[in-house]
């Protein structure tokens, strides 16, 4: 009988860091949003719904006004499938 292994999802890891590690997740969120909002204003003028913001050596992938992931400099965003 093979032994199953538990996996910790991103949500559980974030809650652990927040509750056990004492990280103020909401303060971090506000700080990040504040930093990225200047870029969002420029994108809004261009009517862009998707963009890549490069700041502090990281790539922030934004889709419909939501930062969906953060990539290191060497990583490339995956291409989205064409929606029908």
PDB file of N, CA and C in Angstrom:
ATOM      1  N   UNK A   1       0.841  -1.178   0.000  1.00  0.00           N
ATOM      2  CA  UNK A   1       0.000   0.000   0.000  1.00  0.00           C
ATOM      3  C   UNK A   1       0.894   1.251   0.000  1.00  0.00           C
ATOM      4  N   UNK A   2       0.677   2.090  -0.978  1.00  0.00           N
ATOM      5  CA  UNK A   2       1.504   3.302  -1.049  1.00  0.00           C
ATOM      6  C   UNK A   2       1.001   4.347  -0.055  1.00  0.00           C
ATOM      7  N   UNK A   3       1.934   5.077   0.461  1.00  0.00           N
ATOM      8  CA  UNK A   3       1.595   6.097   1.450  1.00  0.00           C
ATOM      9  C   UNK A   3       1.175   7.380   0.750  1.00  0.00           C
ATOM     10  N   UNK A   4       0.043   7.937   1.146  1.00  0.00           N
ATOM     11  CA  UNK A   4      -0.366   9.214   0.564  1.00  0.00           C
ATOM     12  C   UNK A   4       0.388  10.345   1.234  1.00  0.00           C
ATOM     13  N   UNK A   5       0.518  11.440   0.515  1.00  0.00           N
ATOM     14  CA  UNK A   5       1.211  12.602   1.040  1.00  0.00           C
ATOM     15  C   UNK A   5       0.280  13.796   1.019  1.00  0.00           C
ATOM     16  N   UNK A   6       0.322  14.545   2.098  1.00  0.00           N
ATOM     17  CA  UNK A   6      -0.470  15.770   2.173  1.00  0.00           C
ATOM     18  C   UNK A   6       0.191  16.861   1.357  1.00  0.00           C
ATOM     19  N   UNK A   7      -0.606  17.750   0.838  1.00  0.00           N
ATOM     20  CA  UNK A   7      -0.135  18.915   0.122  1.00  0.00           C
ATOM     21  C   UNK A   7      -0.732  20.132   0.798  1.00  0.00           C
ATOM     22  N   UNK A   8       0.032  21.187   0.980  1.00  0.00           N
ATOM     23  CA  UNK A   8      -0.451  22.417   1.596  1.00  0.00           C
ATOM     24  C   UNK A   8      -0.781  23.398   0.483  1.00  0.00           C
ATOM     25  N   UNK A   9      -2.045  23.800   0.389  1.00  0.00           N
ATOM     26  CA  UNK A   9      -2.454  24.728  -0.664  1.00  0.00           C
ATOM     27  C   UNK A   9      -1.977  26.144  -0.325  1.00  0.00           C
ATOM     28  N   UNK A  10      -1.994  27.019  -1.309  1.00  0.00           N
ATOM     29  CA  UNK A  10      -1.534  28.397  -1.132  1.00  0.00           C
ATOM     30  C   UNK A  10      -2.324  29.128  -0.047  1.00  0.00           C
ATOM     31  N   UNK A  11      -3.631  28.912  -0.019  1.00  0.00           N
ATOM     32  CA  UNK A  11      -4.478  29.578   0.973  1.00  0.00           C
ATOM     33  C   UNK A  11      -4.068  29.177   2.394  1.00  0.00           C
ATOM     34  N   UNK A  12      -3.864  27.879   2.608  1.00  0.00           N
ATOM     35  CA  UNK A  12      -3.481  27.403   3.939  1.00  0.00           C
ATOM     36  C   UNK A  12      -2.105  27.933   4.337  1.00  0.00           C
ATOM     37  N   UNK A  13      -1.179  27.982   3.389  1.00  0.00           N
ATOM     38  CA  UNK A  13       0.149  28.507   3.675  1.00  0.00           C
ATOM     39  C   UNK A  13       0.082  29.989   4.054  1.00  0.00           C
ATOM     40  N   UNK A  14      -0.714  30.740   3.336  1.00  0.00           N
ATOM     41  CA  UNK A  14      -0.884  32.162   3.646  1.00  0.00           C
ATOM     42  C   UNK A  14      -1.492  32.345   5.035  1.00  0.00           C
ATOM     43  N   UNK A  15      -2.518  31.561   5.374  1.00  0.00           N
ATOM     44  CA  UNK A  15      -3.128  31.665   6.702  1.00  0.00           C
ATOM     45  C   UNK A  15      -2.129  31.298   7.791  1.00  0.00           C
ATOM     46  N   UNK A  16      -1.285  30.287   7.538  1.00  0.00           N
ATOM     47  CA  UNK A  16      -0.263  29.895   8.508  1.00  0.00           C
ATOM     48  C   UNK A  16       0.715  31.041   8.745  1.00  0.00           C
ATOM     49  N   UNK A  17       1.205  31.624   7.673  1.00  0.00           N
ATOM     50  CA  UNK A  17       2.156  32.741   7.786  1.00  0.00           C
ATOM     51  C   UNK A  17       1.511  33.916   8.516  1.00  0.00           C
ATOM     52  N   UNK A  18       0.258  34.150   8.230  1.00  0.00           N
ATOM     53  CA  UNK A  18      -0.470  35.255   8.855  1.00  0.00           C
ATOM     54  C   UNK A  18      -0.697  35.001  10.347  1.00  0.00           C
ATOM     55  N   UNK A  19      -1.165  33.815  10.692  1.00  0.00           N
ATOM     56  CA  UNK A  19      -1.596  33.546  12.065  1.00  0.00           C
ATOM     57  C   UNK A  19      -0.475  33.058  12.975  1.00  0.00           C
ATOM     58  N   UNK A  20       0.459  32.305  12.444  1.00  0.00           N
ATOM     59  CA  UNK A  20       1.548  31.789  13.260  1.00  0.00           C
ATOM     60  C   UNK A  20       2.772  32.707  13.167  1.00  0.00           C
ATOM     61  N   UNK A  21       3.038  33.178  11.955  1.00  0.00           N
ATOM     62  CA  UNK A  21       4.200  34.030  11.747  1.00  0.00           C
ATOM     63  C   UNK A  21       3.962  35.490  12.078  1.00  0.00           C
ATOM     64  N   UNK A  22       2.707  35.872  12.255  1.00  0.00           N
ATOM     65  CA  UNK A  22       2.385  37.244  12.632  1.00  0.00           C
ATOM     66  C   UNK A  22       2.463  38.251  11.497  1.00  0.00           C
ATOM     67  N   UNK A  23       2.464  37.795  10.252  1.00  0.00           N
ATOM     68  CA  UNK A  23       2.519  38.701   9.109  1.00  0.00           C
ATOM     69  C   UNK A  23       1.176  39.394   8.922  1.00  0.00           C
ATOM     70  N   UNK A  24       1.179  40.704   8.827  1.00  0.00           N
ATOM     71  CA  UNK A  24      -0.047  41.466   8.582  1.00  0.00           C
ATOM     72  C   UNK A  24      -0.312  41.472   7.079  1.00  0.00           C
ATOM     73  N   UNK A  25      -1.071  40.496   6.618  1.00  0.00           N
ATOM     74  CA  UNK A  25      -1.332  40.294   5.197  1.00  0.00           C
ATOM     75  C   UNK A  25      -2.053  41.493   4.590  1.00  0.00           C
ATOM     76  N   UNK A  26      -3.012  42.050   5.293  1.00  0.00           N
ATOM     77  CA  UNK A  26      -3.773  43.177   4.742  1.00  0.00           C
ATOM     78  C   UNK A  26      -2.902  44.427   4.592  1.00  0.00           C
ATOM     79  N   UNK A  27      -1.989  44.664   5.521  1.00  0.00           N
ATOM     80  CA  UNK A  27      -1.070  45.805   5.396  1.00  0.00           C
ATOM     81  C   UNK A  27      -0.151  45.603   4.195  1.00  0.00           C
ATOM     82  N   UNK A  28       0.299  44.380   4.011  1.00  0.00           N
ATOM     83  CA  UNK A  28       1.136  44.062   2.859  1.00  0.00           C
ATOM     84  C   UNK A  28       0.362  44.256   1.555  1.00  0.00           C
ATOM     85  N   UNK A  29      -0.907  43.839   1.547  1.00  0.00           N
ATOM     86  CA  UNK A  29      -1.762  44.013   0.369  1.00  0.00           C
ATOM     87  C   UNK A  29      -1.932  45.502   0.044  1.00  0.00           C
ATOM     88  N   UNK A  30      -2.222  46.310   1.065  1.00  0.00           N
ATOM     89  CA  UNK A  30      -2.392  47.760   0.847  1.00  0.00           C
ATOM     90  C   UNK A  30      -1.120  48.404   0.304  1.00  0.00           C
ATOM     91  N   UNK A  31       0.014  47.982   0.828  1.00  0.00           N
ATOM     92  CA  UNK A  31       1.297  48.514   0.373  1.00  0.00           C
ATOM     93  C   UNK A  31       1.541  48.176  -1.098  1.00  0.00           C
ATOM     94  N   UNK A  32       1.306  46.934  -1.460  1.00  0.00           N
ATOM     95  CA  UNK A  32       1.501  46.495  -2.834  1.00  0.00           C
ATOM     96  C   UNK A  32       0.532  47.205  -3.778  1.00  0.00           C
ATOM     97  N   UNK A  33      -0.739  47.291  -3.375  1.00  0.00           N
ATOM     98  CA  UNK A  33      -1.727  47.992  -4.209  1.00  0.00           C
ATOM     99  C   UNK A  33      -1.342  49.448  -4.410  1.00  0.00           C
ATOM    100  N   UNK A  34      -0.880  50.098  -3.358  1.00  0.00           N
ATOM    101  CA  UNK A  34      -0.475  51.490  -3.464  1.00  0.00           C
ATOM    102  C   UNK A  34       0.663  51.677  -4.444  1.00  0.00           C
ATOM    103  N   UNK A  35       1.618  50.768  -4.420  1.00  0.00           N
ATOM    104  CA  UNK A  35       2.754  50.849  -5.332  1.00  0.00           C
ATOM    105  C   UNK A  35       2.343  50.640  -6.784  1.00  0.00           C
ATOM    106  N   UNK A  36       1.400  49.755  -7.009  1.00  0.00           N
ATOM    107  CA  UNK A  36       1.027  49.399  -8.382  1.00  0.00           C
ATOM    108  C   UNK A  36      -0.057  50.298  -8.969  1.00  0.00           C
ATOM    109  N   UNK A  37      -0.763  51.058  -8.145  1.00  0.00           N
ATOM    110  CA  UNK A  37      -1.868  51.882  -8.653  1.00  0.00           C
ATOM    111  C   UNK A  37      -1.430  52.960  -9.632  1.00  0.00           C
ATOM    112  N   UNK A  38      -0.217  53.477  -9.497  1.00  0.00           N
ATOM    113  CA  UNK A  38       0.265  54.477 -10.460  1.00  0.00           C
ATOM    114  C   UNK A  38       0.306  53.888 -11.859  1.00  0.00           C
ATOM    115  N   UNK A  39       0.781  52.661 -11.982  1.00  0.00           N
ATOM    116  CA  UNK A  39       0.833  51.993 -13.285  1.00  0.00           C
ATOM    117  C   UNK A  39      -0.560  51.713 -13.805  1.00  0.00           C
ATOM    118  N   UNK A  40      -1.451  51.389 -12.905  1.00  0.00           N
ATOM    119  CA  UNK A  40      -2.829  51.100 -13.302  1.00  0.00           C
ATOM    120  C   UNK A  40      -3.497  52.336 -13.894  1.00  0.00           C
ATOM    121  N   UNK A  41      -3.203  53.502 -13.354  1.00  0.00           N
ATOM    122  CA  UNK A  41      -3.777  54.737 -13.903  1.00  0.00           C
ATOM    123  C   UNK A  41      -3.327  54.953 -15.334  1.00  0.00           C
ATOM    124  N   UNK A  42      -2.058  54.693 -15.619  1.00  0.00           N
ATOM    125  CA  UNK A  42      -1.551  54.840 -16.985  1.00  0.00           C
ATOM    126  C   UNK A  42      -2.207  53.822 -17.912  1.00  0.00           C
ATOM    127  N   UNK A  43      -2.385  52.600 -17.449  1.00  0.00           N
ATOM    128  CA  UNK A  43      -3.017  51.562 -18.268  1.00  0.00           C
ATOM    129  C   UNK A  43      -4.479  51.894 -18.540  1.00  0.00           C
ATOM    130  N   UNK A  44      -5.157  52.490 -17.559  1.00  0.00           N
ATOM    131  CA  UNK A  44      -6.566  52.849 -17.739  1.00  0.00           C
ATOM    132  C   UNK A  44      -6.722  53.867 -18.864  1.00  0.00           C
ATOM    133  N   UNK A  45      -5.762  54.775 -18.967  1.00  0.00           N
ATOM    134  CA  UNK A  45      -5.819  55.759 -20.059  1.00  0.00           C
ATOM    135  C   UNK A  45      -5.727  55.090 -21.427  1.00  0.00           C
ATOM    136  N   UNK A  46      -5.077  53.939 -21.471  1.00  0.00           N
ATOM    137  CA  UNK A  46      -4.934  53.189 -22.716  1.00  0.00           C
ATOM    138  C   UNK A  46      -6.032  52.140 -22.887  1.00  0.00           C
ATOM    139  N   UNK A  47      -6.942  52.063 -21.926  1.00  0.00           N
ATOM    140  CA  UNK A  47      -8.037  51.081 -21.919  1.00  0.00           C
ATOM    141  C   UNK A  47      -7.510  49.650 -21.925  1.00  0.00           C
ATOM    142  N   UNK A  48      -6.406  49.425 -21.248  1.00  0.00           N
ATOM    143  CA  UNK A  48      -5.814  48.087 -21.179  1.00  0.00           C
ATOM    144  C   UNK A  48      -6.477  47.276 -20.069  1.00  0.00           C
ATOM    145  N   UNK A  49      -6.844  46.035 -20.376  1.00  0.00           N
ATOM    146  CA  UNK A  49      -7.416  45.143 -19.368  1.00  0.00           C
ATOM    147  C   UNK A  49      -6.376  44.153 -18.855  1.00  0.00           C
ATOM    148  N   UNK A  50      -5.321  43.922 -19.640  1.00  0.00           N
ATOM    149  CA  UNK A  50      -4.254  43.019 -19.234  1.00  0.00           C
ATOM    150  C   UNK A  50      -2.931  43.745 -19.382  1.00  0.00           C
ATOM    151  N   UNK A  51      -2.036  43.543 -18.394  1.00  0.00           N
ATOM    152  CA  UNK A  51      -0.740  44.200 -18.482  1.00  0.00           C
ATOM    153  C   UNK A  51       0.262  43.480 -17.603  1.00  0.00           C
ATOM    154  N   UNK A  52       1.519  43.778 -17.850  1.00  0.00           N
ATOM    155  CA  UNK A  52       2.621  43.311 -17.014  1.00  0.00           C
ATOM    156  C   UNK A  52       3.281  44.562 -16.456  1.00  0.00           C
ATOM    157  N   UNK A  53       3.310  44.665 -15.149  1.00  0.00           N
ATOM    158  CA  UNK A  53       3.973  45.790 -14.483  1.00  0.00           C
ATOM    159  C   UNK A  53       5.315  45.275 -13.984  1.00  0.00           C
ATOM    160  N   UNK A  54       6.386  45.958 -14.361  1.00  0.00           N
ATOM    161  CA  UNK A  54       7.711  45.572 -13.893  1.00  0.00           C
ATOM    162  C   UNK A  54       8.157  46.610 -12.880  1.00  0.00           C
ATOM    163  N   UNK A  55       8.341  46.158 -11.640  1.00  0.00           N
ATOM    164  CA  UNK A  55       8.738  47.058 -10.559  1.00  0.00           C
ATOM    165  C   UNK A  55       9.591  46.293  -9.557  1.00  0.00           C
ATOM    166  N   UNK A  56      10.623  46.927  -9.075  1.00  0.00           N
ATOM    167  CA  UNK A  56      11.515  46.322  -8.072  1.00  0.00           C
ATOM    168  C   UNK A  56      12.051  44.971  -8.527  1.00  0.00           C
ATOM    169  N   UNK A  57      12.266  44.815  -9.834  1.00  0.00           N
ATOM    170  CA  UNK A  57      12.830  43.575 -10.356  1.00  0.00           C
ATOM    171  C   UNK A  57      11.845  42.428 -10.480  1.00  0.00           C
ATOM    172  N   UNK A  58      10.571  42.673 -10.245  1.00  0.00           N
ATOM    173  CA  UNK A  58       9.544  41.638 -10.353  1.00  0.00           C
ATOM    174  C   UNK A  58       8.545  41.994 -11.442  1.00  0.00           C
ATOM    175  N   UNK A  59       7.844  40.980 -11.965  1.00  0.00           N
ATOM    176  CA  UNK A  59       6.801  41.184 -12.962  1.00  0.00           C
ATOM    177  C   UNK A  59       5.458  40.881 -12.314  1.00  0.00           C
ATOM    178  N   UNK A  60       4.577  41.854 -12.330  1.00  0.00           N
ATOM    179  CA  UNK A  60       3.232  41.709 -11.768  1.00  0.00           C
ATOM    180  C   UNK A  60       2.270  41.532 -12.935  1.00  0.00           C
ATOM    181  N   UNK A  61       1.593  40.411 -13.010  1.00  0.00           N
ATOM    182  CA  UNK A  61       0.670  40.119 -14.094  1.00  0.00           C
ATOM    183  C   UNK A  61      -0.721  40.558 -13.661  1.00  0.00           C
ATOM    184  N   UNK A  62      -1.328  41.459 -14.444  1.00  0.00           N
ATOM    185  CA  UNK A  62      -2.621  42.038 -14.099  1.00  0.00           C
ATOM    186  C   UNK A  62      -3.632  41.681 -15.180  1.00  0.00           C
ATOM    187  N   UNK A  63      -4.773  41.145 -14.757  1.00  0.00           N
ATOM    188  CA  UNK A  63      -5.868  40.812 -15.660  1.00  0.00           C
ATOM    189  C   UNK A  63      -7.149  41.362 -15.056  1.00  0.00           C
ATOM    190  N   UNK A  64      -7.831  42.221 -15.800  1.00  0.00           N
ATOM    191  CA  UNK A  64      -9.091  42.828 -15.358  1.00  0.00           C
ATOM    192  C   UNK A  64      -8.967  43.439 -13.960  1.00  0.00           C
ATOM    193  N   UNK A  65      -7.927  44.260 -13.780  1.00  0.00           N
ATOM    194  CA  UNK A  65      -7.695  45.004 -12.533  1.00  0.00           C
ATOM    195  C   UNK A  65      -7.353  44.128 -11.323  1.00  0.00           C
ATOM    196  N   UNK A  66      -6.907  42.893 -11.554  1.00  0.00           N
ATOM    197  CA  UNK A  66      -6.512  42.007 -10.461  1.00  0.00           C
ATOM    198  C   UNK A  66      -5.093  41.514 -10.729  1.00  0.00           C
ATOM    199  N   UNK A  67      -4.202  41.693  -9.752  1.00  0.00           N
ATOM    200  CA  UNK A  67      -2.866  41.120  -9.867  1.00  0.00           C
ATOM    201  C   UNK A  67      -3.025  39.624  -9.634  1.00  0.00           C
ATOM    202  N   UNK A  68      -2.787  38.840 -10.688  1.00  0.00           N
ATOM    203  CA  UNK A  68      -3.044  37.405 -10.599  1.00  0.00           C
ATOM    204  C   UNK A  68      -1.815  36.593 -10.239  1.00  0.00           C
ATOM    205  N   UNK A  69      -0.615  37.149 -10.470  1.00  0.00           N
ATOM    206  CA  UNK A  69       0.612  36.464 -10.052  1.00  0.00           C
ATOM    207  C   UNK A  69       1.773  37.441 -10.078  1.00  0.00           C
ATOM    208  N   UNK A  70       2.844  37.039  -9.435  1.00  0.00           N
ATOM    209  CA  UNK A  70       4.085  37.815  -9.406  1.00  0.00           C
ATOM    210  C   UNK A  70       5.194  36.864  -9.834  1.00  0.00           C
ATOM    211  N   UNK A  71       5.982  37.297 -10.819  1.00  0.00           N
ATOM    212  CA  UNK A  71       7.032  36.452 -11.368  1.00  0.00           C
ATOM    213  C   UNK A  71       8.409  37.043 -11.099  1.00  0.00           C
ATOM    214  N   UNK A  72       9.393  36.170 -10.976  1.00  0.00           N
ATOM    215  CA  UNK A  72      10.780  36.628 -10.847  1.00  0.00           C
ATOM    216  C   UNK A  72      11.250  37.098 -12.225  1.00  0.00           C
ATOM    217  N   UNK A  73      12.374  37.808 -12.287  1.00  0.00           N
ATOM    218  CA  UNK A  73      12.840  38.342 -13.576  1.00  0.00           C
ATOM    219  C   UNK A  73      13.058  37.292 -14.660  1.00  0.00           C
ATOM    220  N   UNK A  74      13.453  36.091 -14.287  1.00  0.00           N
ATOM    221  CA  UNK A  74      13.728  35.052 -15.292  1.00  0.00           C
ATOM    222  C   UNK A  74      12.479  34.339 -15.784  1.00  0.00           C
ATOM    223  N   UNK A  75      11.376  34.487 -15.068  1.00  0.00           N
ATOM    224  CA  UNK A  75      10.141  33.787 -15.432  1.00  0.00           C
ATOM    225  C   UNK A  75       9.392  34.556 -16.507  1.00  0.00           C
ATOM    226  N   UNK A  76       8.665  33.820 -17.347  1.00  0.00           N
ATOM    227  CA  UNK A  76       7.838  34.437 -18.380  1.00  0.00           C
ATOM    228  C   UNK A  76       6.379  34.086 -18.113  1.00  0.00           C
ATOM    229  N   UNK A  77       5.470  35.047 -18.357  1.00  0.00           N
ATOM    230  CA  UNK A  77       4.050  34.727 -18.146  1.00  0.00           C
ATOM    231  C   UNK A  77       3.584  33.680 -19.152  1.00  0.00           C
ATOM    232  N   UNK A  78       2.722  32.788 -18.695  1.00  0.00           N
ATOM    233  CA  UNK A  78       2.127  31.813 -19.609  1.00  0.00           C
ATOM    234  C   UNK A  78       1.121  32.531 -20.479  1.00  0.00           C
ATOM    235  N   UNK A  79       1.021  32.124 -21.712  1.00  0.00           N
ATOM    236  CA  UNK A  79       0.068  32.749 -22.622  1.00  0.00           C
ATOM    237  C   UNK A  79      -1.334  32.268 -22.291  1.00  0.00           C
ATOM    238  N   UNK A  80      -2.258  33.189 -22.262  1.00  0.00           N
ATOM    239  CA  UNK A  80      -3.649  32.844 -22.001  1.00  0.00           C
ATOM    240  C   UNK A  80      -4.273  32.223 -23.256  1.00  0.00           C
ATOM    241  N   UNK A  81      -5.166  31.284 -23.058  1.00  0.00           N
ATOM    242  CA  UNK A  81      -5.912  30.729 -24.188  1.00  0.00           C
ATOM    243  C   UNK A  81      -6.850  31.781 -24.740  1.00  0.00           C
ATOM    244  N   UNK A  82      -7.024  31.740 -26.033  1.00  0.00           N
ATOM    245  CA  UNK A  82      -7.976  32.662 -26.662  1.00  0.00           C
ATOM    246  C   UNK A  82      -9.389  32.325 -26.199  1.00  0.00           C
ATOM    247  N   UNK A  83     -10.106  33.327 -25.774  1.00  0.00           N
ATOM    248  CA  UNK A  83     -11.505  33.105 -25.363  1.00  0.00           C
ATOM    249  C   UNK A  83     -12.402  33.224 -26.562  1.00  0.00           C
ATOM    250  N   UNK A  84     -13.371  32.351 -26.612  1.00  0.00           N
ATOM    251  CA  UNK A  84     -14.304  32.376 -27.757  1.00  0.00           C
ATOM    252  C   UNK A  84     -15.484  33.247 -27.466  1.00  0.00           C
TER     253      UNK A  84
END
